[in-house]
Amino acid sequence: MVPCPATLDVPHELVGHVVWLGYEQRRARNTRWRRLGCFQQALLALVHLRKSKTFAQLGAGFGISQATAWRYVDETLDVLAS
């Protein structure tokens, strides 16, 4: 189990893979500083997918705004889809 604001029942290896994909995308785009690191952004997206939390709940749990939660989840889903 991976600790996060919601209990997440996914293998740590899956989270690690999503983190690596996000890191590579940020590096390729030369992305600036972000409120959440790659690990927390991956957790945010996986919590959204597994627990169907609203973006308001995700934002509150991760200490970001609802709009930022939506943007980070959307970005992570784009990385997974590619």
PDB file of N, CA and C in Angstrom:
ATOM      1  N   MET A   1       0.838  -1.187   0.000  1.00  0.00           N
ATOM      2  CA  MET A   1       0.000   0.000   0.000  1.00  0.00           C
ATOM      3  C   MET A   1       0.879   1.245   0.000  1.00  0.00           C
ATOM      4  N   VAL A   2       0.426   2.247  -0.715  1.00  0.00           N
ATOM      5  CA  VAL A   2       1.145   3.505  -0.799  1.00  0.00           C
ATOM      6  C   VAL A   2       0.409   4.533   0.052  1.00  0.00           C
ATOM      7  N   PRO A   3       1.110   5.191   0.990  1.00  0.00           N
ATOM      8  CA  PRO A   3       0.432   6.178   1.828  1.00  0.00           C
ATOM      9  C   PRO A   3       0.102   7.445   1.037  1.00  0.00           C
ATOM     10  N   CYS A   4      -1.097   7.963   1.225  1.00  0.00           N
ATOM     11  CA  CYS A   4      -1.518   9.215   0.600  1.00  0.00           C
ATOM     12  C   CYS A   4      -2.780   9.675   1.320  1.00  0.00           C
ATOM     13  N   PRO A   5      -3.348  10.830   0.962  1.00  0.00           N
ATOM     14  CA  PRO A   5      -4.547  11.292   1.646  1.00  0.00           C
ATOM     15  C   PRO A   5      -5.726  10.320   1.582  1.00  0.00           C
ATOM     16  N   ALA A   6      -5.721   9.402   0.641  1.00  0.00           N
ATOM     17  CA  ALA A   6      -6.721   8.335   0.582  1.00  0.00           C
ATOM     18  C   ALA A   6      -5.959   7.020   0.502  1.00  0.00           C
ATOM     19  N   THR A   7      -6.505   5.968   1.082  1.00  0.00           N
ATOM     20  CA  THR A   7      -5.841   4.673   0.990  1.00  0.00           C
ATOM     21  C   THR A   7      -5.877   4.217  -0.463  1.00  0.00           C
ATOM     22  N   LEU A   8      -4.711   3.894  -0.979  1.00  0.00           N
ATOM     23  CA  LEU A   8      -4.603   3.551  -2.391  1.00  0.00           C
ATOM     24  C   LEU A   8      -4.107   2.127  -2.515  1.00  0.00           C
ATOM     25  N   ASP A   9      -4.933   1.261  -3.090  1.00  0.00           N
ATOM     26  CA  ASP A   9      -4.612  -0.161  -3.179  1.00  0.00           C
ATOM     27  C   ASP A   9      -4.019  -0.520  -4.545  1.00  0.00           C
ATOM     28  N   VAL A  10      -2.886   0.100  -4.854  1.00  0.00           N
ATOM     29  CA  VAL A  10      -2.167  -0.212  -6.089  1.00  0.00           C
ATOM     30  C   VAL A  10      -0.731  -0.554  -5.730  1.00  0.00           C
ATOM     31  N   PRO A  11      -0.073  -1.370  -6.531  1.00  0.00           N
ATOM     32  CA  PRO A  11       1.319  -1.721  -6.249  1.00  0.00           C
ATOM     33  C   PRO A  11       2.236  -0.492  -6.326  1.00  0.00           C
ATOM     34  N   HIS A  12       3.226  -0.477  -5.463  1.00  0.00           N
ATOM     35  CA  HIS A  12       4.187   0.621  -5.447  1.00  0.00           C
ATOM     36  C   HIS A  12       4.892   0.739  -6.800  1.00  0.00           C
ATOM     37  N   GLU A  13       5.082  -0.390  -7.491  1.00  0.00           N
ATOM     38  CA  GLU A  13       5.738  -0.380  -8.799  1.00  0.00           C
ATOM     39  C   GLU A  13       4.921   0.410  -9.826  1.00  0.00           C
ATOM     40  N   LEU A  14       3.596   0.309  -9.749  1.00  0.00           N
ATOM     41  CA  LEU A  14       2.739   1.060 -10.664  1.00  0.00           C
ATOM     42  C   LEU A  14       2.908   2.553 -10.434  1.00  0.00           C
ATOM     43  N   VAL A  15       2.901   2.948  -9.172  1.00  0.00           N
ATOM     44  CA  VAL A  15       3.101   4.360  -8.853  1.00  0.00           C
ATOM     45  C   VAL A  15       4.466   4.812  -9.366  1.00  0.00           C
ATOM     46  N   GLY A  16       5.484   3.986  -9.151  1.00  0.00           N
ATOM     47  CA  GLY A  16       6.824   4.315  -9.624  1.00  0.00           C
ATOM     48  C   GLY A  16       6.879   4.495 -11.132  1.00  0.00           C
ATOM     49  N   HIS A  17       6.151   3.661 -11.856  1.00  0.00           N
ATOM     50  CA  HIS A  17       6.129   3.762 -13.321  1.00  0.00           C
ATOM     51  C   HIS A  17       5.450   5.059 -13.764  1.00  0.00           C
ATOM     52  N   VAL A  18       4.341   5.392 -13.138  1.00  0.00           N
ATOM     53  CA  VAL A  18       3.635   6.628 -13.482  1.00  0.00           C
ATOM     54  C   VAL A  18       4.505   7.838 -13.135  1.00  0.00           C
ATOM     55  N   VAL A  19       5.209   7.762 -12.001  1.00  0.00           N
ATOM     56  CA  VAL A  19       6.121   8.844 -11.616  1.00  0.00           C
ATOM     57  C   VAL A  19       7.193   9.023 -12.683  1.00  0.00           C
ATOM     58  N   TRP A  20       7.780   7.924 -13.126  1.00  0.00           N
ATOM     59  CA  TRP A  20       8.842   8.003 -14.129  1.00  0.00           C
ATOM     60  C   TRP A  20       8.327   8.617 -15.435  1.00  0.00           C
ATOM     61  N   LEU A  21       7.143   8.228 -15.872  1.00  0.00           N
ATOM     62  CA  LEU A  21       6.572   8.803 -17.093  1.00  0.00           C
ATOM     63  C   LEU A  21       6.357  10.313 -16.941  1.00  0.00           C
ATOM     64  N   GLY A  22       5.834  10.716 -15.788  1.00  0.00           N
ATOM     65  CA  GLY A  22       5.624  12.142 -15.534  1.00  0.00           C
ATOM     66  C   GLY A  22       6.925  12.914 -15.473  1.00  0.00           C
ATOM     67  N   TYR A  23       7.927  12.308 -14.843  1.00  0.00           N
ATOM     68  CA  TYR A  23       9.245  12.952 -14.757  1.00  0.00           C
ATOM     69  C   TYR A  23       9.841  13.149 -16.144  1.00  0.00           C
ATOM     70  N   GLU A  24       9.748  12.125 -16.974  1.00  0.00           N
ATOM     71  CA  GLU A  24      10.292  12.220 -18.332  1.00  0.00           C
ATOM     72  C   GLU A  24       9.575  13.300 -19.143  1.00  0.00           C
ATOM     73  N   GLN A  25       8.260  13.407 -18.963  1.00  0.00           N
ATOM     74  CA  GLN A  25       7.518  14.434 -19.685  1.00  0.00           C
ATOM     75  C   GLN A  25       7.947  15.822 -19.223  1.00  0.00           C
ATOM     76  N   ARG A  26       8.080  16.008 -17.923  1.00  0.00           N
ATOM     77  CA  ARG A  26       8.511  17.310 -17.404  1.00  0.00           C
ATOM     78  C   ARG A  26       9.904  17.658 -17.906  1.00  0.00           C
ATOM     79  N   ARG A  27      10.783  16.687 -17.921  1.00  0.00           N
ATOM     80  CA  ARG A  27      12.150  16.926 -18.382  1.00  0.00           C
ATOM     81  C   ARG A  27      12.169  17.276 -19.868  1.00  0.00           C
ATOM     82  N   ALA A  28      11.379  16.568 -20.666  1.00  0.00           N
ATOM     83  CA  ALA A  28      11.334  16.838 -22.106  1.00  0.00           C
ATOM     84  C   ALA A  28      10.776  18.230 -22.404  1.00  0.00           C
ATOM     85  N   ARG A  29       9.832  18.673 -21.595  1.00  0.00           N
ATOM     86  CA  ARG A  29       9.222  19.992 -21.798  1.00  0.00           C
ATOM     87  C   ARG A  29       9.973  21.106 -21.076  1.00  0.00           C
ATOM     88  N   ASN A  30      10.973  20.739 -20.280  1.00  0.00           N
ATOM     89  CA  ASN A  30      11.730  21.704 -19.476  1.00  0.00           C
ATOM     90  C   ASN A  30      10.782  22.507 -18.580  1.00  0.00           C
ATOM     91  N   THR A  31       9.911  21.780 -17.877  1.00  0.00           N
ATOM     92  CA  THR A  31       8.869  22.376 -17.062  1.00  0.00           C
ATOM     93  C   THR A  31       9.445  23.056 -15.831  1.00  0.00           C
ATOM     94  N   ARG A  32       8.842  24.174 -15.472  1.00  0.00           N
ATOM     95  CA  ARG A  32       9.244  24.916 -14.283  1.00  0.00           C
ATOM     96  C   ARG A  32       8.823  24.175 -13.013  1.00  0.00           C
ATOM     97  N   TRP A  33       9.085  24.824 -11.886  1.00  0.00           N
ATOM     98  CA  TRP A  33       8.708  24.314 -10.574  1.00  0.00           C
ATOM     99  C   TRP A  33       7.200  24.108 -10.510  1.00  0.00           C
ATOM    100  N   ARG A  34       6.781  23.066  -9.810  1.00  0.00           N
ATOM    101  CA  ARG A  34       5.359  22.756  -9.639  1.00  0.00           C
ATOM    102  C   ARG A  34       5.022  22.674  -8.157  1.00  0.00           C
ATOM    103  N   ARG A  35       3.776  22.879  -7.852  1.00  0.00           N
ATOM    104  CA  ARG A  35       3.305  22.790  -6.464  1.00  0.00           C
ATOM    105  C   ARG A  35       3.460  21.370  -5.935  1.00  0.00           C
ATOM    106  N   LEU A  36       3.179  20.369  -6.765  1.00  0.00           N
ATOM    107  CA  LEU A  36       3.355  18.968  -6.392  1.00  0.00           C
ATOM    108  C   LEU A  36       4.502  18.376  -7.192  1.00  0.00           C
ATOM    109  N   GLY A  37       5.264  17.523  -6.545  1.00  0.00           N
ATOM    110  CA  GLY A  37       6.314  16.804  -7.251  1.00  0.00           C
ATOM    111  C   GLY A  37       5.717  15.693  -8.100  1.00  0.00           C
ATOM    112  N   CYS A  38       6.566  15.008  -8.827  1.00  0.00           N
ATOM    113  CA  CYS A  38       6.102  13.940  -9.720  1.00  0.00           C
ATOM    114  C   CYS A  38       5.389  12.830  -8.952  1.00  0.00           C
ATOM    115  N   PHE A  39       5.918  12.461  -7.779  1.00  0.00           N
ATOM    116  CA  PHE A  39       5.315  11.385  -6.997  1.00  0.00           C
ATOM    117  C   PHE A  39       3.912  11.763  -6.544  1.00  0.00           C
ATOM    118  N   GLN A  40       3.767  12.972  -5.993  1.00  0.00           N
ATOM    119  CA  GLN A  40       2.448  13.391  -5.519  1.00  0.00           C
ATOM    120  C   GLN A  40       1.467  13.584  -6.672  1.00  0.00           C
ATOM    121  N   GLN A  41       1.958  14.045  -7.813  1.00  0.00           N
ATOM    122  CA  GLN A  41       1.074  14.201  -8.967  1.00  0.00           C
ATOM    123  C   GLN A  41       0.580  12.842  -9.457  1.00  0.00           C
ATOM    124  N   ALA A  42       1.452  11.852  -9.447  1.00  0.00           N
ATOM    125  CA  ALA A  42       1.039  10.499  -9.832  1.00  0.00           C
ATOM    126  C   ALA A  42       0.003   9.961  -8.849  1.00  0.00           C
ATOM    127  N   LEU A  43       0.233  10.170  -7.552  1.00  0.00           N
ATOM    128  CA  LEU A  43      -0.743   9.731  -6.549  1.00  0.00           C
ATOM    129  C   LEU A  43      -2.080  10.424  -6.751  1.00  0.00           C
ATOM    130  N   LEU A  44      -2.038  11.706  -7.028  1.00  0.00           N
ATOM    131  CA  LEU A  44      -3.259  12.473  -7.258  1.00  0.00           C
ATOM    132  C   LEU A  44      -4.092  11.845  -8.375  1.00  0.00           C
ATOM    133  N   ALA A  45      -3.460  11.547  -9.488  1.00  0.00           N
ATOM    134  CA  ALA A  45      -4.179  10.957 -10.624  1.00  0.00           C
ATOM    135  C   ALA A  45      -4.679   9.557 -10.302  1.00  0.00           C
ATOM    136  N   LEU A  46      -3.858   8.760  -9.633  1.00  0.00           N
ATOM    137  CA  LEU A  46      -4.271   7.394  -9.305  1.00  0.00           C
ATOM    138  C   LEU A  46      -5.408   7.378  -8.285  1.00  0.00           C
ATOM    139  N   VAL A  47      -5.384   8.296  -7.330  1.00  0.00           N
ATOM    140  CA  VAL A  47      -6.493   8.399  -6.373  1.00  0.00           C
ATOM    141  C   VAL A  47      -7.765   8.777  -7.125  1.00  0.00           C
ATOM    142  N   HIS A  48      -7.659   9.695  -8.065  1.00  0.00           N
ATOM    143  CA  HIS A  48      -8.834  10.083  -8.854  1.00  0.00           C
ATOM    144  C   HIS A  48      -9.395   8.885  -9.621  1.00  0.00           C
ATOM    145  N   LEU A  49      -8.522   8.104 -10.223  1.00  0.00           N
ATOM    146  CA  LEU A  49      -8.972   6.959 -11.011  1.00  0.00           C
ATOM    147  C   LEU A  49      -9.526   5.832 -10.149  1.00  0.00           C
ATOM    148  N   ARG A  50      -8.887   5.548  -9.028  1.00  0.00           N
ATOM    149  CA  ARG A  50      -9.292   4.409  -8.198  1.00  0.00           C
ATOM    150  C   ARG A  50     -10.436   4.730  -7.246  1.00  0.00           C
ATOM    151  N   LYS A  51     -10.459   5.942  -6.721  1.00  0.00           N
ATOM    152  CA  LYS A  51     -11.426   6.281  -5.674  1.00  0.00           C
ATOM    153  C   LYS A  51     -12.544   7.202  -6.139  1.00  0.00           C
ATOM    154  N   SER A  52     -12.474   7.687  -7.373  1.00  0.00           N
ATOM    155  CA  SER A  52     -13.492   8.594  -7.929  1.00  0.00           C
ATOM    156  C   SER A  52     -13.733   9.808  -7.035  1.00  0.00           C
ATOM    157  N   LYS A  53     -12.662  10.345  -6.501  1.00  0.00           N
ATOM    158  CA  LYS A  53     -12.767  11.562  -5.690  1.00  0.00           C
ATOM    159  C   LYS A  53     -13.011  12.748  -6.609  1.00  0.00           C
ATOM    160  N   THR A  54     -13.754  13.734  -6.118  1.00  0.00           N
ATOM    161  CA  THR A  54     -13.969  14.945  -6.904  1.00  0.00           C
ATOM    162  C   THR A  54     -12.685  15.769  -6.900  1.00  0.00           C
ATOM    163  N   PHE A  55     -12.592  16.689  -7.834  1.00  0.00           N
ATOM    164  CA  PHE A  55     -11.399  17.529  -7.894  1.00  0.00           C
ATOM    165  C   PHE A  55     -11.308  18.436  -6.673  1.00  0.00           C
ATOM    166  N   ALA A  56     -12.443  18.827  -6.115  1.00  0.00           N
ATOM    167  CA  ALA A  56     -12.426  19.625  -4.889  1.00  0.00           C
ATOM    168  C   ALA A  56     -11.845  18.808  -3.731  1.00  0.00           C
ATOM    169  N   GLN A  57     -12.254  17.539  -3.615  1.00  0.00           N
ATOM    170  CA  GLN A  57     -11.719  16.669  -2.564  1.00  0.00           C
ATOM    171  C   GLN A  57     -10.233  16.410  -2.771  1.00  0.00           C
ATOM    172  N   LEU A  58      -9.838  16.172  -4.014  1.00  0.00           N
ATOM    173  CA  LEU A  58      -8.424  15.943  -4.310  1.00  0.00           C
ATOM    174  C   LEU A  58      -7.597  17.173  -3.967  1.00  0.00           C
ATOM    175  N   GLY A  59      -8.080  18.332  -4.375  1.00  0.00           N
ATOM    176  CA  GLY A  59      -7.358  19.567  -4.084  1.00  0.00           C
ATOM    177  C   GLY A  59      -7.187  19.785  -2.597  1.00  0.00           C
ATOM    178  N   ALA A  60      -8.252  19.563  -1.840  1.00  0.00           N
ATOM    179  CA  ALA A  60      -8.169  19.727  -0.387  1.00  0.00           C
ATOM    180  C   ALA A  60      -7.204  18.721   0.226  1.00  0.00           C
ATOM    181  N   GLY A  61      -7.237  17.493  -0.234  1.00  0.00           N
ATOM    182  CA  GLY A  61      -6.370  16.460   0.317  1.00  0.00           C
ATOM    183  C   GLY A  61      -4.901  16.665   0.008  1.00  0.00           C
ATOM    184  N   PHE A  62      -4.609  17.243  -1.142  1.00  0.00           N
ATOM    185  CA  PHE A  62      -3.221  17.437  -1.556  1.00  0.00           C
ATOM    186  C   PHE A  62      -2.737  18.875  -1.367  1.00  0.00           C
ATOM    187  N   GLY A  63      -3.596  19.748  -0.853  1.00  0.00           N
ATOM    188  CA  GLY A  63      -3.188  21.124  -0.578  1.00  0.00           C
ATOM    189  C   GLY A  63      -3.032  21.992  -1.815  1.00  0.00           C
ATOM    190  N   ILE A  64      -3.869  21.743  -2.829  1.00  0.00           N
ATOM    191  CA  ILE A  64      -3.836  22.537  -4.057  1.00  0.00           C
ATOM    192  C   ILE A  64      -5.260  22.955  -4.397  1.00  0.00           C
ATOM    193  N   SER A  65      -5.404  23.844  -5.360  1.00  0.00           N
ATOM    194  CA  SER A  65      -6.740  24.281  -5.749  1.00  0.00           C
ATOM    195  C   SER A  65      -7.435  23.210  -6.598  1.00  0.00           C
ATOM    196  N   GLN A  66      -8.734  23.372  -6.740  1.00  0.00           N
ATOM    197  CA  GLN A  66      -9.517  22.443  -7.556  1.00  0.00           C
ATOM    198  C   GLN A  66      -9.051  22.497  -9.010  1.00  0.00           C
ATOM    199  N   ALA A  67      -8.760  23.691  -9.511  1.00  0.00           N
ATOM    200  CA  ALA A  67      -8.303  23.838 -10.897  1.00  0.00           C
ATOM    201  C   ALA A  67      -6.950  23.170 -11.109  1.00  0.00           C
ATOM    202  N   THR A  68      -6.058  23.305 -10.137  1.00  0.00           N
ATOM    203  CA  THR A  68      -4.742  22.673 -10.245  1.00  0.00           C
ATOM    204  C   THR A  68      -4.876  21.160 -10.194  1.00  0.00           C
ATOM    205  N   ALA A  69      -5.768  20.661  -9.346  1.00  0.00           N
ATOM    206  CA  ALA A  69      -6.001  19.213  -9.281  1.00  0.00           C
ATOM    207  C   ALA A  69      -6.486  18.703 -10.632  1.00  0.00           C
ATOM    208  N   TRP A  70      -7.424  19.409 -11.245  1.00  0.00           N
ATOM    209  CA  TRP A  70      -7.933  19.003 -12.557  1.00  0.00           C
ATOM    210  C   TRP A  70      -6.815  19.006 -13.591  1.00  0.00           C
ATOM    211  N   ARG A  71      -6.012  20.079 -13.599  1.00  0.00           N
ATOM    212  CA  ARG A  71      -4.930  20.208 -14.577  1.00  0.00           C
ATOM    213  C   ARG A  71      -3.894  19.100 -14.413  1.00  0.00           C
ATOM    214  N   TYR A  72      -3.521  18.777 -13.168  1.00  0.00           N
ATOM    215  CA  TYR A  72      -2.527  17.731 -12.920  1.00  0.00           C
ATOM    216  C   TYR A  72      -3.054  16.352 -13.305  1.00  0.00           C
ATOM    217  N   VAL A  73      -4.314  16.074 -12.995  1.00  0.00           N
ATOM    218  CA  VAL A  73      -4.895  14.780 -13.376  1.00  0.00           C
ATOM    219  C   VAL A  73      -4.962  14.679 -14.896  1.00  0.00           C
ATOM    220  N   ASP A  74      -5.400  15.737 -15.552  1.00  0.00           N
ATOM    221  CA  ASP A  74      -5.483  15.740 -17.013  1.00  0.00           C
ATOM    222  C   ASP A  74      -4.105  15.531 -17.640  1.00  0.00           C
ATOM    223  N   GLU A  75      -3.104  16.189 -17.100  1.00  0.00           N
ATOM    224  CA  GLU A  75      -1.738  16.039 -17.615  1.00  0.00           C
ATOM    225  C   GLU A  75      -1.237  14.605 -17.443  1.00  0.00           C
ATOM    226  N   THR A  76      -1.502  14.018 -16.290  1.00  0.00           N
ATOM    227  CA  THR A  76      -1.056  12.647 -16.031  1.00  0.00           C
ATOM    228  C   THR A  76      -1.782  11.659 -16.933  1.00  0.00           C
ATOM    229  N   LEU A  77      -3.065  11.869 -17.162  1.00  0.00           N
ATOM    230  CA  LEU A  77      -3.808  10.988 -18.060  1.00  0.00           C
ATOM    231  C   LEU A  77      -3.287  11.095 -19.493  1.00  0.00           C
ATOM    232  N   ASP A  78      -2.892  12.287 -19.911  1.00  0.00           N
ATOM    233  CA  ASP A  78      -2.287  12.446 -21.241  1.00  0.00           C
ATOM    234  C   ASP A  78      -0.989  11.662 -21.346  1.00  0.00           C
ATOM    235  N   VAL A  79      -0.193  11.691 -20.285  1.00  0.00           N
ATOM    236  CA  VAL A  79       1.072  10.941 -20.272  1.00  0.00           C
ATOM    237  C   VAL A  79       0.791   9.447 -20.359  1.00  0.00           C
ATOM    238  N   LEU A  80      -0.198   8.968 -19.613  1.00  0.00           N
ATOM    239  CA  LEU A  80      -0.533   7.542 -19.629  1.00  0.00           C
ATOM    240  C   LEU A  80      -1.100   7.115 -20.979  1.00  0.00           C
ATOM    241  N   ALA A  81      -1.827   8.006 -21.634  1.00  0.00           N
ATOM    242  CA  ALA A  81      -2.437   7.670 -22.918  1.00  0.00           C
ATOM    243  C   ALA A  81      -1.422   7.626 -24.056  1.00  0.00           C
ATOM    244  N   SER A  82      -0.324   8.332 -23.889  1.00  0.00           N
ATOM    245  CA  SER A  82       0.665   8.370 -24.984  1.00  0.00           C
ATOM    246  C   SER A  82       1.589   7.178 -24.983  1.00  0.00           C
TER     247      SER A  82
END
